[in-house]
Full PDB file with SEQRES, HELIX, SHEET, SSBOND, CRYST1, ORIGX, SCALE, CONECT and MASTER records, all heavy atoms in Angstrom:
SEQRES   1 A   40  ASP PHE ILE PHE GLY ASN ALA ALA VAL VAL PHE GLN ASN          
SEQRES   2 A   40  CYS ASN ILE TYR PRO ARG LEU PRO ILE THR GLY GLN PHE          
SEQRES   3 A   40  ASN THR ILE THR ALA GLN GLY ARG THR ASP PRO ASN GLN          
SEQRES   4 A   40  ASN                                                          
SHEET    1 AA1 2 ILE A   3  GLY A   5  0                                        
SHEET    2 AA1 2 THR A  30  GLN A  32  1                                        
CRYST1    1.000    1.000    1.000  90.00  90.00  90.00 P 1           1          
ORIGX1      1.000000  0.000000  0.000000        0.00000                         
ORIGX2      0.000000  1.000000  0.000000        0.00000                         
ORIGX3      0.000000  0.000000  1.000000        0.00000                         
SCALE1      1.000000  0.000000  0.000000        0.00000                         
SCALE2      0.000000  1.000000  0.000000        0.00000                         
SCALE3      0.000000  0.000000  1.000000        0.00000                         
ATOM      1  N   ASP A   1      13.287  10.549  76.789  1.00  0.00           N  
ATOM      2  CA  ASP A   1      13.622   9.644  75.622  1.00  0.00           C  
ATOM      3  C   ASP A   1      14.608  10.327  74.822  1.00  0.00           C  
ATOM      4  O   ASP A   1      14.600  10.389  73.618  1.00  0.00           O  
ATOM      5  CB  ASP A   1      12.273   9.626  74.812  1.00  0.00           C  
ATOM      6  CG  ASP A   1      11.038   9.107  75.433  1.00  0.00           C  
ATOM      7  OD1 ASP A   1      11.212   8.412  76.416  1.00  0.00           O  
ATOM      8  OD2 ASP A   1       9.889   9.383  74.974  1.00  0.00           O  
ATOM      9  N   PHE A   2      15.716  10.699  75.480  1.00  0.00           N  
ATOM     10  CA  PHE A   2      16.644  11.503  74.702  1.00  0.00           C  
ATOM     11  C   PHE A   2      17.771  10.788  73.976  1.00  0.00           C  
ATOM     12  O   PHE A   2      18.434  11.417  73.252  1.00  0.00           O  
ATOM     13  CB  PHE A   2      17.255  12.613  75.704  1.00  0.00           C  
ATOM     14  CG  PHE A   2      18.222  12.059  76.914  1.00  0.00           C  
ATOM     15  CD1 PHE A   2      19.602  11.976  76.553  1.00  0.00           C  
ATOM     16  CD2 PHE A   2      17.636  11.805  77.951  1.00  0.00           C  
ATOM     17  CE1 PHE A   2      20.386  11.486  77.628  1.00  0.00           C  
ATOM     18  CE2 PHE A   2      18.503  11.308  79.082  1.00  0.00           C  
ATOM     19  CZ  PHE A   2      19.871  11.159  78.904  1.00  0.00           C  
ATOM     20  N   ILE A   3      17.669   9.427  73.967  1.00  0.00           N  
ATOM     21  CA  ILE A   3      18.287   8.599  72.982  1.00  0.00           C  
ATOM     22  C   ILE A   3      17.242   7.630  72.442  1.00  0.00           C  
ATOM     23  O   ILE A   3      16.809   6.748  73.203  1.00  0.00           O  
ATOM     24  CB  ILE A   3      19.452   7.815  73.553  1.00  0.00           C  
ATOM     25  CG1 ILE A   3      20.434   8.765  74.230  1.00  0.00           C  
ATOM     26  CG2 ILE A   3      20.138   6.833  72.551  1.00  0.00           C  
ATOM     27  CD1 ILE A   3      21.637   8.021  74.947  1.00  0.00           C  
ATOM     28  N   PHE A   4      16.827   7.916  71.250  1.00  0.00           N  
ATOM     29  CA  PHE A   4      15.734   7.006  70.753  1.00  0.00           C  
ATOM     30  C   PHE A   4      15.828   6.834  69.182  1.00  0.00           C  
ATOM     31  O   PHE A   4      16.710   7.435  68.574  1.00  0.00           O  
ATOM     32  CB  PHE A   4      14.434   7.824  70.970  1.00  0.00           C  
ATOM     33  CG  PHE A   4      14.168   8.956  70.120  1.00  0.00           C  
ATOM     34  CD1 PHE A   4      13.090   8.933  69.096  1.00  0.00           C  
ATOM     35  CD2 PHE A   4      14.839  10.205  70.124  1.00  0.00           C  
ATOM     36  CE1 PHE A   4      12.779   9.944  68.222  1.00  0.00           C  
ATOM     37  CE2 PHE A   4      14.716  11.306  69.270  1.00  0.00           C  
ATOM     38  CZ  PHE A   4      13.598  11.121  68.310  1.00  0.00           C  
ATOM     39  N   GLY A   5      15.091   5.781  68.773  1.00  0.00           N  
ATOM     40  CA  GLY A   5      15.234   5.372  67.425  1.00  0.00           C  
ATOM     41  C   GLY A   5      15.349   3.933  67.202  1.00  0.00           C  
ATOM     42  O   GLY A   5      15.288   3.145  68.219  1.00  0.00           O  
ATOM     43  N   ASN A   6      15.542   3.445  66.016  1.00  0.00           N  
ATOM     44  CA  ASN A   6      15.615   2.003  65.679  1.00  0.00           C  
ATOM     45  C   ASN A   6      16.848   1.673  64.966  1.00  0.00           C  
ATOM     46  O   ASN A   6      16.799   0.795  63.984  1.00  0.00           O  
ATOM     47  CB  ASN A   6      14.383   1.611  64.985  1.00  0.00           C  
ATOM     48  CG  ASN A   6      14.240   0.005  64.934  1.00  0.00           C  
ATOM     49  OD1 ASN A   6      14.769  -0.581  65.812  1.00  0.00           O  
ATOM     50  ND2 ASN A   6      13.509  -0.504  64.104  1.00  0.00           N  
ATOM     51  N   ALA A   7      17.942   2.246  65.329  1.00  0.00           N  
ATOM     52  CA  ALA A   7      19.237   1.937  64.666  1.00  0.00           C  
ATOM     53  C   ALA A   7      19.869   0.612  65.357  1.00  0.00           C  
ATOM     54  O   ALA A   7      19.355   0.288  66.483  1.00  0.00           O  
ATOM     55  CB  ALA A   7      20.245   3.024  64.891  1.00  0.00           C  
ATOM     56  N   ALA A   8      20.828   0.068  64.815  1.00  0.00           N  
ATOM     57  CA  ALA A   8      21.649  -0.884  65.496  1.00  0.00           C  
ATOM     58  C   ALA A   8      22.834  -0.064  65.926  1.00  0.00           C  
ATOM     59  O   ALA A   8      23.754   0.316  65.104  1.00  0.00           O  
ATOM     60  CB  ALA A   8      22.159  -2.018  64.642  1.00  0.00           C  
ATOM     61  N   VAL A   9      22.888   0.336  67.214  1.00  0.00           N  
ATOM     62  CA  VAL A   9      23.986   1.327  67.684  1.00  0.00           C  
ATOM     63  C   VAL A   9      24.550   0.947  68.993  1.00  0.00           C  
ATOM     64  O   VAL A   9      23.846   0.287  69.821  1.00  0.00           O  
ATOM     65  CB  VAL A   9      23.137   2.683  67.900  1.00  0.00           C  
ATOM     66  CG1 VAL A   9      21.951   2.528  68.779  1.00  0.00           C  
ATOM     67  CG2 VAL A   9      24.108   3.808  68.401  1.00  0.00           C  
ATOM     68  N   VAL A  10      25.811   1.266  69.107  1.00  0.00           N  
ATOM     69  CA  VAL A  10      26.607   0.934  70.256  1.00  0.00           C  
ATOM     70  C   VAL A  10      27.260   2.442  70.740  1.00  0.00           C  
ATOM     71  O   VAL A  10      27.788   3.096  69.971  1.00  0.00           O  
ATOM     72  CB  VAL A  10      27.743  -0.021  70.063  1.00  0.00           C  
ATOM     73  CG1 VAL A  10      28.650  -0.057  71.382  1.00  0.00           C  
ATOM     74  CG2 VAL A  10      27.235  -1.303  69.732  1.00  0.00           C  
ATOM     75  N   PHE A  11      26.906   2.674  72.001  1.00  0.00           N  
ATOM     76  CA  PHE A  11      27.544   3.895  72.753  1.00  0.00           C  
ATOM     77  C   PHE A  11      28.631   3.317  73.544  1.00  0.00           C  
ATOM     78  O   PHE A  11      28.440   2.435  74.489  1.00  0.00           O  
ATOM     79  CB  PHE A  11      26.472   4.608  73.460  1.00  0.00           C  
ATOM     80  CG  PHE A  11      25.395   5.227  72.707  1.00  0.00           C  
ATOM     81  CD1 PHE A  11      24.308   4.585  72.347  1.00  0.00           C  
ATOM     82  CD2 PHE A  11      25.631   6.542  72.364  1.00  0.00           C  
ATOM     83  CE1 PHE A  11      23.352   5.202  71.665  1.00  0.00           C  
ATOM     84  CE2 PHE A  11      24.596   7.177  71.596  1.00  0.00           C  
ATOM     85  CZ  PHE A  11      23.499   6.524  71.272  1.00  0.00           C  
ATOM     86  N   GLN A  12      29.948   3.750  73.261  1.00  0.00           N  
ATOM     87  CA  GLN A  12      30.974   3.191  74.090  1.00  0.00           C  
ATOM     88  C   GLN A  12      31.791   4.319  74.590  1.00  0.00           C  
ATOM     89  O   GLN A  12      32.215   5.180  73.934  1.00  0.00           O  
ATOM     90  CB  GLN A  12      31.946   2.368  73.076  1.00  0.00           C  
ATOM     91  CG  GLN A  12      32.964   1.493  73.863  1.00  0.00           C  
ATOM     92  CD  GLN A  12      33.649   0.582  72.875  1.00  0.00           C  
ATOM     93  OE1 GLN A  12      34.569   0.981  72.175  1.00  0.00           O  
ATOM     94  NE2 GLN A  12      33.292  -0.637  72.793  1.00  0.00           N  
ATOM     95  N   ASN A  13      32.107   4.264  75.939  1.00  0.00           N  
ATOM     96  CA  ASN A  13      32.934   5.162  76.652  1.00  0.00           C  
ATOM     97  C   ASN A  13      32.275   6.591  76.561  1.00  0.00           C  
ATOM     98  O   ASN A  13      32.983   7.533  76.480  1.00  0.00           O  
ATOM     99  CB  ASN A  13      34.476   5.249  76.171  1.00  0.00           C  
ATOM    100  CG  ASN A  13      35.051   3.978  76.481  1.00  0.00           C  
ATOM    101  OD1 ASN A  13      34.533   2.872  76.563  1.00  0.00           O  
ATOM    102  ND2 ASN A  13      36.427   4.016  76.481  1.00  0.00           N  
ATOM    103  N   CYS A  14      30.976   6.588  76.623  1.00  0.00           N  
ATOM    104  CA  CYS A  14      30.289   7.831  76.526  1.00  0.00           C  
ATOM    105  C   CYS A  14      29.753   8.347  77.996  1.00  0.00           C  
ATOM    106  O   CYS A  14      29.807   7.608  78.819  1.00  0.00           O  
ATOM    107  CB  CYS A  14      29.056   7.745  75.655  1.00  0.00           C  
ATOM    108  SG  CYS A  14      29.480   7.438  73.892  1.00  0.00           S  
ATOM    109  N   ASN A  15      29.480   9.659  77.989  1.00  0.00           N  
ATOM    110  CA  ASN A  15      28.921  10.282  79.118  1.00  0.00           C  
ATOM    111  C   ASN A  15      27.590  10.624  78.889  1.00  0.00           C  
ATOM    112  O   ASN A  15      27.287  11.329  78.015  1.00  0.00           O  
ATOM    113  CB  ASN A  15      29.726  11.559  79.537  1.00  0.00           C  
ATOM    114  CG  ASN A  15      31.231  11.259  79.827  1.00  0.00           C  
ATOM    115  OD1 ASN A  15      31.376  10.390  80.800  1.00  0.00           O  
ATOM    116  ND2 ASN A  15      32.133  11.917  79.162  1.00  0.00           N  
ATOM    117  N   ILE A  16      26.657  10.152  79.705  1.00  0.00           N  
ATOM    118  CA  ILE A  16      25.156  10.357  79.572  1.00  0.00           C  
ATOM    119  C   ILE A  16      24.617  11.229  80.772  1.00  0.00           C  
ATOM    120  O   ILE A  16      24.821  10.861  81.864  1.00  0.00           O  
ATOM    121  CB  ILE A  16      24.387   8.986  79.401  1.00  0.00           C  
ATOM    122  CG1 ILE A  16      24.965   8.278  78.226  1.00  0.00           C  
ATOM    123  CG2 ILE A  16      22.843   9.213  79.345  1.00  0.00           C  
ATOM    124  CD1 ILE A  16      24.304   6.928  77.974  1.00  0.00           C  
ATOM    125  N   TYR A  17      24.069  12.339  80.318  1.00  0.00           N  
ATOM    126  CA  TYR A  17      23.662  13.412  81.399  1.00  0.00           C  
ATOM    127  C   TYR A  17      22.167  13.751  81.437  1.00  0.00           C  
ATOM    128  O   TYR A  17      21.823  14.588  80.651  1.00  0.00           O  
ATOM    129  CB  TYR A  17      24.519  14.696  81.229  1.00  0.00           C  
ATOM    130  CG  TYR A  17      25.912  14.540  81.393  1.00  0.00           C  
ATOM    131  CD1 TYR A  17      26.788  14.615  80.278  1.00  0.00           C  
ATOM    132  CD2 TYR A  17      26.510  14.390  82.641  1.00  0.00           C  
ATOM    133  CE1 TYR A  17      28.209  14.496  80.508  1.00  0.00           C  
ATOM    134  CE2 TYR A  17      27.906  14.266  82.780  1.00  0.00           C  
ATOM    135  CZ  TYR A  17      28.814  14.262  81.660  1.00  0.00           C  
ATOM    136  OH  TYR A  17      30.071  14.286  81.803  1.00  0.00           O  
ATOM    137  N   PRO A  18      21.350  13.001  82.119  1.00  0.00           N  
ATOM    138  CA  PRO A  18      19.974  13.492  82.301  1.00  0.00           C  
ATOM    139  C   PRO A  18      19.963  14.861  82.881  1.00  0.00           C  
ATOM    140  O   PRO A  18      20.736  15.171  83.880  1.00  0.00           O  
ATOM    141  CB  PRO A  18      19.394  12.383  83.232  1.00  0.00           C  
ATOM    142  CG  PRO A  18      20.240  11.242  83.050  1.00  0.00           C  
ATOM    143  CD  PRO A  18      21.629  11.709  82.907  1.00  0.00           C  
ATOM    144  N   ARG A  19      19.094  15.615  82.303  1.00  0.00           N  
ATOM    145  CA  ARG A  19      18.913  17.046  82.753  1.00  0.00           C  
ATOM    146  C   ARG A  19      17.616  17.203  83.528  1.00  0.00           C  
ATOM    147  O   ARG A  19      16.822  16.216  83.738  1.00  0.00           O  
ATOM    148  CB  ARG A  19      18.863  18.020  81.552  1.00  0.00           C  
ATOM    149  CG  ARG A  19      20.119  17.732  80.698  1.00  0.00           C  
ATOM    150  CD  ARG A  19      19.989  18.746  79.349  1.00  0.00           C  
ATOM    151  NE  ARG A  19      20.732  19.967  79.594  1.00  0.00           N  
ATOM    152  CZ  ARG A  19      20.973  20.857  78.455  1.00  0.00           C  
ATOM    153  NH1 ARG A  19      20.441  20.530  77.308  1.00  0.00           N  
ATOM    154  NH2 ARG A  19      21.696  21.894  78.634  1.00  0.00           N  
ATOM    155  N   LEU A  20      17.472  18.429  83.945  1.00  0.00           N  
ATOM    156  CA  LEU A  20      16.171  18.792  84.803  1.00  0.00           C  
ATOM    157  C   LEU A  20      15.034  18.986  83.686  1.00  0.00           C  
ATOM    158  O   LEU A  20      15.032  20.002  82.969  1.00  0.00           O  
ATOM    159  CB  LEU A  20      16.382  19.966  85.638  1.00  0.00           C  
ATOM    160  CG  LEU A  20      15.153  20.347  86.582  1.00  0.00           C  
ATOM    161  CD1 LEU A  20      14.952  19.245  87.665  1.00  0.00           C  
ATOM    162  CD2 LEU A  20      15.456  21.620  87.305  1.00  0.00           C  
ATOM    163  N   PRO A  21      14.066  18.193  83.789  1.00  0.00           N  
ATOM    164  CA  PRO A  21      12.809  18.304  82.865  1.00  0.00           C  
ATOM    165  C   PRO A  21      11.809  19.417  83.513  1.00  0.00           C  
ATOM    166  O   PRO A  21      12.098  20.001  84.597  1.00  0.00           O  
ATOM    167  CB  PRO A  21      12.120  16.998  82.774  1.00  0.00           C  
ATOM    168  CG  PRO A  21      12.370  16.374  84.200  1.00  0.00           C  
ATOM    169  CD  PRO A  21      13.758  16.933  84.680  1.00  0.00           C  
ATOM    170  N   ILE A  22      10.748  19.649  82.834  1.00  0.00           N  
ATOM    171  CA  ILE A  22       9.704  20.605  83.334  1.00  0.00           C  
ATOM    172  C   ILE A  22       8.971  19.808  84.549  1.00  0.00           C  
ATOM    173  O   ILE A  22       9.139  18.506  84.700  1.00  0.00           O  
ATOM    174  CB  ILE A  22       8.693  21.012  82.313  1.00  0.00           C  
ATOM    175  CG1 ILE A  22       7.926  19.726  81.691  1.00  0.00           C  
ATOM    176  CG2 ILE A  22       9.411  21.733  81.119  1.00  0.00           C  
ATOM    177  CD1 ILE A  22       6.846  20.189  80.788  1.00  0.00           C  
ATOM    178  N   THR A  23       8.246  20.584  85.355  1.00  0.00           N  
ATOM    179  CA  THR A  23       7.592  20.072  86.440  1.00  0.00           C  
ATOM    180  C   THR A  23       6.684  19.057  86.087  1.00  0.00           C  
ATOM    181  O   THR A  23       5.852  19.225  85.179  1.00  0.00           O  
ATOM    182  CB  THR A  23       7.001  21.157  87.193  1.00  0.00           C  
ATOM    183  OG1 THR A  23       7.863  22.158  87.650  1.00  0.00           O  
ATOM    184  CG2 THR A  23       6.226  20.544  88.452  1.00  0.00           C  
ATOM    185  N   GLY A  24       6.634  17.911  86.720  1.00  0.00           N  
ATOM    186  CA  GLY A  24       5.808  16.839  86.501  1.00  0.00           C  
ATOM    187  C   GLY A  24       6.261  15.734  85.518  1.00  0.00           C  
ATOM    188  O   GLY A  24       5.699  14.687  85.490  1.00  0.00           O  
ATOM    189  N   GLN A  25       7.401  16.030  84.967  1.00  0.00           N  
ATOM    190  CA  GLN A  25       7.978  15.005  83.932  1.00  0.00           C  
ATOM    191  C   GLN A  25       8.933  14.175  84.616  1.00  0.00           C  
ATOM    192  O   GLN A  25       9.667  14.542  85.728  1.00  0.00           O  
ATOM    193  CB  GLN A  25       8.698  15.716  82.739  1.00  0.00           C  
ATOM    194  CG  GLN A  25       7.803  16.235  81.663  1.00  0.00           C  
ATOM    195  CD  GLN A  25       8.602  16.709  80.547  1.00  0.00           C  
ATOM    196  OE1 GLN A  25       9.682  17.226  80.662  1.00  0.00           O  
ATOM    197  NE2 GLN A  25       7.924  16.735  79.386  1.00  0.00           N  
ATOM    198  N   PHE A  26       9.163  12.968  84.187  1.00  0.00           N  
ATOM    199  CA  PHE A  26      10.310  12.105  84.619  1.00  0.00           C  
ATOM    200  C   PHE A  26      11.182  11.899  83.431  1.00  0.00           C  
ATOM    201  O   PHE A  26      10.822  12.020  82.277  1.00  0.00           O  
ATOM    202  CB  PHE A  26       9.883  10.758  85.258  1.00  0.00           C  
ATOM    203  CG  PHE A  26       8.951   9.979  84.295  1.00  0.00           C  
ATOM    204  CD1 PHE A  26       9.459   9.064  83.309  1.00  0.00           C  
ATOM    205  CD2 PHE A  26       7.588  10.020  84.443  1.00  0.00           C  
ATOM    206  CE1 PHE A  26       8.698   8.365  82.560  1.00  0.00           C  
ATOM    207  CE2 PHE A  26       6.781   9.293  83.663  1.00  0.00           C  
ATOM    208  CZ  PHE A  26       7.323   8.471  82.641  1.00  0.00           C  
ATOM    209  N   ASN A  27      12.527  11.597  83.653  1.00  0.00           N  
ATOM    210  CA  ASN A  27      13.447  11.322  82.706  1.00  0.00           C  
ATOM    211  C   ASN A  27      13.506   9.909  82.210  1.00  0.00           C  
ATOM    212  O   ASN A  27      13.442   8.983  83.060  1.00  0.00           O  
ATOM    213  CB  ASN A  27      14.883  11.648  83.185  1.00  0.00           C  
ATOM    214  CG  ASN A  27      15.071  13.206  83.390  1.00  0.00           C  
ATOM    215  OD1 ASN A  27      14.532  13.948  82.613  1.00  0.00           O  
ATOM    216  ND2 ASN A  27      16.026  13.597  84.216  1.00  0.00           N  
ATOM    217  N   THR A  28      13.562   9.701  80.891  1.00  0.00           N  
ATOM    218  CA  THR A  28      13.842   8.319  80.481  1.00  0.00           C  
ATOM    219  C   THR A  28      15.093   8.514  79.434  1.00  0.00           C  
ATOM    220  O   THR A  28      14.973   9.153  78.491  1.00  0.00           O  
ATOM    221  CB  THR A  28      12.673   7.750  79.745  1.00  0.00           C  
ATOM    222  OG1 THR A  28      11.979   8.737  78.889  1.00  0.00           O  
ATOM    223  CG2 THR A  28      11.662   7.178  80.744  1.00  0.00           C  
ATOM    224  N   ILE A  29      16.081   7.728  79.709  1.00  0.00           N  
ATOM    225  CA  ILE A  29      17.293   7.885  78.914  1.00  0.00           C  
ATOM    226  C   ILE A  29      17.056   7.420  77.447  1.00  0.00           C  
ATOM    227  O   ILE A  29      17.491   7.992  76.498  1.00  0.00           O  
ATOM    228  CB  ILE A  29      18.529   7.154  79.581  1.00  0.00           C  
ATOM    229  CG1 ILE A  29      18.829   7.965  80.967  1.00  0.00           C  
ATOM    230  CG2 ILE A  29      19.756   7.190  78.613  1.00  0.00           C  
ATOM    231  CD1 ILE A  29      19.874   7.291  81.731  1.00  0.00           C  
ATOM    232  N   THR A  30      16.433   6.218  77.399  1.00  0.00           N  
ATOM    233  CA  THR A  30      16.343   5.591  76.147  1.00  0.00           C  
ATOM    234  C   THR A  30      14.780   5.374  75.801  1.00  0.00           C  
ATOM    235  O   THR A  30      14.082   5.004  76.642  1.00  0.00           O  
ATOM    236  CB  THR A  30      17.053   4.268  75.942  1.00  0.00           C  
ATOM    237  OG1 THR A  30      16.441   3.270  76.892  1.00  0.00           O  
ATOM    238  CG2 THR A  30      18.495   4.472  76.234  1.00  0.00           C  
ATOM    239  N   ALA A  31      14.488   5.325  74.442  1.00  0.00           N  
ATOM    240  CA  ALA A  31      13.244   4.863  74.041  1.00  0.00           C  
ATOM    241  C   ALA A  31      13.433   4.106  72.653  1.00  0.00           C  
ATOM    242  O   ALA A  31      13.445   4.806  71.635  1.00  0.00           O  
ATOM    243  CB  ALA A  31      12.206   5.991  73.838  1.00  0.00           C  
ATOM    244  N   GLN A  32      13.745   2.925  72.675  1.00  0.00           N  
ATOM    245  CA  GLN A  32      14.148   2.300  71.561  1.00  0.00           C  
ATOM    246  C   GLN A  32      12.922   1.826  70.624  1.00  0.00           C  
ATOM    247  O   GLN A  32      11.773   1.591  71.240  1.00  0.00           O  
ATOM    248  CB  GLN A  32      14.955   0.860  71.851  1.00  0.00           C  
ATOM    249  CG  GLN A  32      15.938   0.524  70.822  1.00  0.00           C  
ATOM    250  CD  GLN A  32      15.369  -0.297  69.684  1.00  0.00           C  
ATOM    251  OE1 GLN A  32      14.445  -1.153  69.935  1.00  0.00           O  
ATOM    252  NE2 GLN A  32      15.854  -0.191  68.639  1.00  0.00           N  
ATOM    253  N   GLY A  33      13.062   1.772  69.313  1.00  0.00           N  
ATOM    254  CA  GLY A  33      11.948   1.651  68.549  1.00  0.00           C  
ATOM    255  C   GLY A  33      11.839   0.378  67.534  1.00  0.00           C  
ATOM    256  O   GLY A  33      11.365   0.430  66.573  1.00  0.00           O  
ATOM    257  N   ARG A  34      12.337  -0.795  68.066  1.00  0.00           N  
ATOM    258  CA  ARG A  34      12.228  -1.983  67.307  1.00  0.00           C  
ATOM    259  C   ARG A  34      10.847  -2.370  67.122  1.00  0.00           C  
ATOM    260  O   ARG A  34      10.123  -2.586  68.174  1.00  0.00           O  
ATOM    261  CB  ARG A  34      12.988  -3.016  67.828  1.00  0.00           C  
ATOM    262  CG  ARG A  34      13.195  -4.275  66.967  1.00  0.00           C  
ATOM    263  CD  ARG A  34      14.360  -5.165  67.496  1.00  0.00           C  
ATOM    264  NE  ARG A  34      13.995  -5.836  68.646  1.00  0.00           N  
ATOM    265  CZ  ARG A  34      14.161  -7.076  68.939  1.00  0.00           C  
ATOM    266  NH1 ARG A  34      14.987  -7.867  68.159  1.00  0.00           N  
ATOM    267  NH2 ARG A  34      13.882  -7.632  70.096  1.00  0.00           N  
ATOM    268  N   THR A  35      10.319  -2.614  65.990  1.00  0.00           N  
ATOM    269  CA  THR A  35       8.886  -3.001  65.734  1.00  0.00           C  
ATOM    270  C   THR A  35       8.689  -4.439  65.437  1.00  0.00           C  
ATOM    271  O   THR A  35       7.543  -4.918  65.327  1.00  0.00           O  
ATOM    272  CB  THR A  35       8.279  -2.092  64.625  1.00  0.00           C  
ATOM    273  OG1 THR A  35       9.099  -2.281  63.459  1.00  0.00           O  
ATOM    274  CG2 THR A  35       8.244  -0.623  65.085  1.00  0.00           C  
ATOM    275  N   ASP A  36       9.744  -5.106  65.198  1.00  0.00           N  
ATOM    276  CA  ASP A  36       9.668  -6.604  64.747  1.00  0.00           C  
ATOM    277  C   ASP A  36      10.813  -7.344  65.402  1.00  0.00           C  
ATOM    278  O   ASP A  36      11.876  -6.893  65.425  1.00  0.00           O  
ATOM    279  CB  ASP A  36       9.713  -6.688  63.242  1.00  0.00           C  
ATOM    280  CG  ASP A  36       9.420  -8.028  62.781  1.00  0.00           C  
ATOM    281  OD1 ASP A  36      10.219  -9.062  63.082  1.00  0.00           O  
ATOM    282  OD2 ASP A  36       8.481  -8.177  61.882  1.00  0.00           O  
ATOM    283  N   PRO A  37      10.571  -8.556  65.982  1.00  0.00           N  
ATOM    284  CA  PRO A  37      11.556  -9.246  66.632  1.00  0.00           C  
ATOM    285  C   PRO A  37      12.663  -9.762  65.635  1.00  0.00           C  
ATOM    286  O   PRO A  37      13.790 -10.034  66.209  1.00  0.00           O  
ATOM    287  CB  PRO A  37      10.771 -10.445  67.348  1.00  0.00           C  
ATOM    288  CG  PRO A  37       9.563 -10.577  66.536  1.00  0.00           C  
ATOM    289  CD  PRO A  37       9.214  -9.253  66.157  1.00  0.00           C  
ATOM    290  N   ASN A  38      12.547  -9.701  64.505  1.00  0.00           N  
ATOM    291  CA  ASN A  38      13.374 -10.159  63.385  1.00  0.00           C  
ATOM    292  C   ASN A  38      14.328  -8.970  62.994  1.00  0.00           C  
ATOM    293  O   ASN A  38      15.296  -9.216  62.275  1.00  0.00           O  
ATOM    294  CB  ASN A  38      12.690 -10.661  62.178  1.00  0.00           C  
ATOM    295  CG  ASN A  38      12.021 -11.838  62.500  1.00  0.00           C  
ATOM    296  OD1 ASN A  38      12.455 -12.884  63.163  1.00  0.00           O  
ATOM    297  ND2 ASN A  38      10.692 -11.976  62.149  1.00  0.00           N  
ATOM    298  N   GLN A  39      14.087  -7.783  63.402  1.00  0.00           N  
ATOM    299  CA  GLN A  39      14.954  -6.672  63.180  1.00  0.00           C  
ATOM    300  C   GLN A  39      16.286  -6.865  63.975  1.00  0.00           C  
ATOM    301  O   GLN A  39      16.187  -7.039  65.182  1.00  0.00           O  
ATOM    302  CB  GLN A  39      14.305  -5.268  63.453  1.00  0.00           C  
ATOM    303  CG  GLN A  39      13.134  -5.029  62.520  1.00  0.00           C  
ATOM    304  CD  GLN A  39      12.402  -3.866  62.923  1.00  0.00           C  
ATOM    305  OE1 GLN A  39      12.354  -3.431  64.031  1.00  0.00           O  
ATOM    306  NE2 GLN A  39      11.745  -3.119  61.880  1.00  0.00           N  
ATOM    307  N   ASN A  40      17.470  -6.689  63.281  1.00  0.00           N  
ATOM    308  CA  ASN A  40      18.637  -6.673  64.052  1.00  0.00           C  
ATOM    309  C   ASN A  40      19.108  -5.330  64.511  1.00  0.00           C  
ATOM    310  O   ASN A  40      20.222  -4.838  64.217  1.00  0.00           O  
ATOM    311  CB  ASN A  40      19.740  -7.363  63.130  1.00  0.00           C  
ATOM    312  CG  ASN A  40      20.045  -6.578  61.864  1.00  0.00           C  
ATOM    313  OD1 ASN A  40      19.149  -5.722  61.485  1.00  0.00           O  
ATOM    314  ND2 ASN A  40      20.965  -6.836  61.182  1.00  0.00           N  
TER     315      ASN A  40                                                      
MASTER        0    0    0    0    2    0    0    6  314    1    0    4          
END                                                                             
């Protein structure tokens, strides 16, 4: 979940580098936090 939160955000021309987690974990690049469909 290494990019997470509830901003209105654009990443442009960026480099995203998943790393090696601890044994038994899987990587998730994003975990977005919108709690209402009306949030922009």
